Protein backbone atom coordinates (compact mmCIF):
# COMPACT_ATOMS: atom_id res chain seq x y z
CA MET A 1 -181.25 -61.91 87.64
CA SER A 2 -179.40 -59.87 89.56
CA ARG A 3 -176.29 -57.69 88.61
CA ARG A 4 -174.21 -59.79 90.71
CA GLU A 5 -175.58 -62.92 90.17
CA GLN A 6 -175.25 -62.27 86.23
CA ARG A 7 -171.60 -61.92 87.48
CA LYS A 8 -171.26 -65.10 89.00
CA ALA A 9 -172.84 -66.77 86.34
CA PHE A 10 -170.74 -65.44 83.45
CA GLU A 11 -167.56 -66.12 85.70
CA ARG A 12 -169.03 -69.78 86.35
CA TRP A 13 -169.16 -70.24 81.86
CA ARG A 14 -165.88 -68.36 81.57
CA GLU A 15 -164.45 -71.04 83.87
CA GLN A 16 -166.01 -73.93 82.57
CA THR A 17 -165.35 -73.07 79.17
CA ARG A 18 -162.08 -72.54 79.86
CA ARG A 19 -161.26 -75.60 81.32
CA ALA A 20 -162.86 -77.57 78.55
CA ALA A 21 -160.68 -74.96 76.18
CA VAL A 22 -157.57 -76.49 77.50
CA ALA A 23 -158.35 -80.05 77.23
CA ASP A 24 -160.32 -79.39 73.87
CA ALA A 25 -156.54 -77.58 72.87
CA ARG A 26 -155.02 -80.69 73.92
CA THR A 27 -157.09 -83.27 71.98
CA LEU A 28 -156.66 -81.24 68.86
CA ALA A 29 -152.78 -81.28 69.10
CA ILE A 30 -152.11 -84.85 69.44
CA ASP A 31 -155.24 -85.33 66.74
CA ILE A 32 -153.14 -82.84 64.31
CA ALA A 33 -149.48 -84.46 65.39
CA ALA A 34 -151.64 -88.21 64.50
CA GLY A 35 -152.79 -86.67 61.53
CA ARG A 36 -156.51 -87.74 62.72
CA ASP A 37 -159.85 -86.21 60.70
CA GLN A 38 -162.27 -84.34 63.24
CA GLY A 39 -165.17 -85.36 61.19
CA LEU A 40 -166.39 -81.57 61.24
CA THR A 41 -168.16 -79.62 58.26
CA GLY A 42 -168.72 -76.04 57.77
CA TYR A 43 -172.46 -76.59 56.48
CA GLY A 44 -173.18 -75.29 59.90
CA MET A 45 -171.95 -71.73 59.25
CA GLY A 46 -172.47 -72.00 55.33
CA ILE A 47 -168.75 -72.37 54.61
CA VAL A 48 -167.64 -73.78 51.74
CA LEU A 49 -164.49 -75.75 52.09
CA SER A 50 -161.48 -75.63 49.73
CA ALA A 51 -159.83 -78.66 47.92
CA GLY A 52 -157.92 -80.10 50.99
CA GLU A 53 -159.23 -78.03 53.60
CA THR A 54 -160.21 -79.74 57.02
CA VAL A 55 -162.27 -78.20 59.94
CA TRP A 56 -160.92 -78.23 63.24
CA ARG A 57 -163.38 -76.96 65.25
CA GLU A 58 -166.13 -74.63 65.11
CA LEU A 59 -166.02 -72.17 68.39
CA ASP A 60 -166.96 -68.31 69.71
CA ALA A 61 -163.82 -66.00 70.21
CA GLY A 62 -163.67 -62.35 70.68
CA TYR A 63 -162.63 -60.52 67.67
CA PHE A 64 -160.70 -57.03 67.47
CA VAL A 65 -158.43 -55.23 64.24
CA LEU A 66 -155.90 -53.10 64.51
CA ASP A 67 -157.16 -50.42 62.83
CA THR A 68 -155.61 -46.75 61.51
CA TYR A 69 -157.42 -43.61 62.06
CA SER A 70 -156.41 -40.45 60.23
CA HIS A 71 -158.20 -36.97 61.53
CA ILE A 72 -157.14 -33.68 61.03
CA HIS A 73 -156.48 -31.85 64.02
CA HIS A 74 -156.64 -27.86 63.99
CA HIS A 75 -154.36 -25.72 66.03
CA HIS A 76 -156.08 -22.60 67.58
CA GLY A 77 -153.72 -19.24 67.77
CA TRP A 78 -153.90 -16.62 70.57
CA SER A 79 -156.75 -14.88 68.85
CA GLY A 80 -158.63 -18.02 68.60
CA ASN A 81 -158.80 -18.56 65.01
CA ILE A 82 -157.37 -21.46 63.61
CA ASP A 83 -153.60 -20.77 63.34
CA ARG A 84 -153.01 -24.56 61.53
CA SER A 85 -154.26 -27.90 60.58
CA TYR A 86 -152.50 -30.92 60.10
CA GLU A 87 -153.58 -34.90 59.87
CA VAL A 88 -153.01 -37.11 62.79
CA THR A 89 -152.99 -40.70 62.58
CA ASP A 90 -153.95 -43.04 65.22
CA LYS A 91 -153.86 -46.58 65.85
CA ARG A 92 -156.38 -48.49 68.03
CA TRP A 93 -157.84 -51.67 68.40
CA THR A 94 -161.60 -52.08 67.23
CA ASN A 95 -164.21 -54.72 68.67
CA HIS A 96 -165.97 -56.76 66.58
CA GLY A 97 -167.64 -58.30 69.41
CA VAL A 98 -167.70 -62.48 69.52
CA LEU A 99 -168.33 -64.35 66.52
CA ARG A 100 -168.55 -67.86 65.45
CA TRP A 101 -165.42 -69.12 63.97
CA LEU A 102 -164.42 -72.23 61.82
CA VAL A 103 -161.00 -73.03 62.77
CA THR A 104 -159.18 -75.37 59.90
CA ASN A 105 -156.30 -76.29 58.40
CA GLN A 106 -156.31 -73.34 55.69
CA ARG A 107 -157.73 -70.25 57.80
CA LEU A 108 -159.80 -68.79 60.42
CA ALA A 109 -163.67 -67.98 58.79
CA PRO A 110 -166.09 -66.19 61.28
CA ARG A 111 -169.53 -64.94 60.15
CA TYR A 112 -170.75 -61.79 61.46
CA ALA A 113 -174.48 -61.32 62.50
CA ASP A 114 -175.30 -59.57 59.64
CA GLY A 115 -174.17 -62.64 57.09
CA GLU A 116 -171.23 -61.31 56.10
CA LEU A 117 -168.21 -63.87 55.89
CA ILE A 118 -164.59 -62.96 56.06
CA SER A 119 -161.67 -65.30 56.21
CA ILE A 120 -158.09 -65.22 57.41
CA TYR A 121 -156.19 -67.69 55.55
CA TRP A 122 -152.86 -69.22 57.50
CA VAL A 123 -150.55 -68.35 54.92
CA ASP A 124 -151.31 -64.48 55.52
CA PRO A 125 -150.23 -63.92 59.08
CA GLY A 126 -146.23 -63.12 59.38
CA GLY A 127 -146.04 -63.33 63.22
CA CYS A 128 -147.95 -64.95 65.54
CA GLN A 129 -148.30 -63.59 69.34
CA ILE A 130 -149.47 -65.90 71.91
CA ASP A 131 -150.58 -65.87 75.91
CA LEU A 132 -152.52 -68.44 77.14
CA ASP A 133 -152.62 -66.97 80.55
CA ALA A 134 -154.63 -63.58 79.17
CA GLU A 135 -156.40 -65.60 76.61
CA TYR A 136 -155.45 -63.93 73.46
CA VAL A 137 -153.47 -65.00 69.91
CA ILE A 138 -152.29 -62.02 67.94
CA LEU A 139 -152.00 -62.60 64.02
CA ASP A 140 -149.81 -59.92 62.18
CA SER A 141 -150.34 -60.06 58.60
CA HIS A 142 -148.22 -59.11 55.87
CA LYS A 143 -150.85 -56.57 54.97
CA ARG A 144 -150.22 -54.19 58.13
CA THR A 145 -153.15 -55.48 59.80
CA ARG A 146 -153.37 -57.18 63.38
CA TYR A 147 -156.38 -59.76 64.12
CA CYS A 148 -156.66 -60.65 67.61
CA LEU A 149 -158.71 -63.33 68.94
CA THR A 150 -159.68 -62.85 72.69
CA GLY A 151 -161.46 -65.04 75.24
CA PRO A 152 -161.15 -68.82 77.05
CA ALA A 153 -161.30 -70.58 73.34
CA ALA A 154 -157.62 -69.06 73.20
CA PRO A 155 -155.93 -72.27 73.75
CA VAL A 156 -157.49 -73.90 70.30
CA ILE A 157 -156.89 -71.14 68.39
CA ALA A 158 -153.08 -71.27 69.18
CA VAL A 159 -152.77 -74.73 68.80
CA ALA A 160 -154.50 -74.24 65.57
CA ALA A 161 -151.99 -71.11 64.70
CA VAL A 162 -149.09 -73.16 65.40
CA SER A 163 -149.39 -75.84 63.66
CA SER A 164 -150.57 -74.08 60.77
CA LEU A 165 -148.01 -71.82 60.73
CA HIS A 166 -145.08 -73.77 61.91
CA GLY A 167 -146.06 -77.18 61.09
CA ALA A 168 -147.27 -79.81 63.70
CA HIS A 169 -143.65 -80.66 64.91
CA ALA A 170 -143.92 -77.05 66.42
CA LEU A 171 -146.76 -78.17 69.00
CA ILE A 172 -143.77 -79.89 70.91
CA ASP A 173 -141.90 -76.96 71.84
CA HIS A 174 -143.63 -73.74 70.73
CA PRO A 175 -143.11 -71.52 74.17
CA GLY A 176 -146.45 -70.26 73.34
CA LEU A 177 -148.08 -73.54 74.18
CA GLY A 178 -146.58 -74.11 77.24
CA PRO A 179 -149.53 -73.91 79.72
CA LEU A 180 -150.85 -76.51 77.68
CA ARG A 181 -148.05 -79.07 78.51
CA ALA A 182 -148.61 -78.57 82.52
CA ARG A 183 -149.06 -81.93 83.89
CA PRO A 184 -152.80 -82.75 85.52
CA ASN A 185 -151.32 -83.75 88.43
CA SER A 186 -148.73 -80.64 89.02
CA SER A 187 -149.77 -77.28 90.65
CA ARG A 188 -151.05 -75.54 87.17
CA THR A 189 -153.52 -77.69 85.64
CA ALA A 190 -155.32 -75.48 83.71
CA VAL A 191 -154.61 -71.53 81.85
CA GLY A 192 -155.40 -69.01 84.20
CA THR A 193 -155.28 -71.37 87.37
CA THR A 194 -151.98 -71.40 90.18
């Protein structure tokens, strides 16, 4: 398969996944508001659920973490010798790739390819940014860490985040979920399309 064919196949997959995720996010919002059990388990990912924990979805999403890096910068004087040194601190997003995530009412839990499991509990974030057109959800931790989940599954993650962080009542009017409220017969039926 040529690169062009690969790109086209990827874009077809992405658009199909985007449409399915928007429909799934709407369904999840209704099910959460109605208190319906999803009937899902964490067995397939080898995740043990806590008491009262309910699995909402299992999905794939890109994962980035805003990390702080420090390094020593050396300033060279006119003679070429090191004149002074100082520490420089930078922040940058580290790409952890696309991971399989378990989305529950208590946490987000991905498993890395090497088998490592991490959990981002909903009680930790002190902030949440949602941009469904750009397909991302950013969670700001109280521990000064930022997590970004990206990709076509962002609407489902956004619904889980809004419900878990603000309560089911916020599914009605949270501005980050606005694109999910577009009427199917309107000119804007899915996130990212016009």
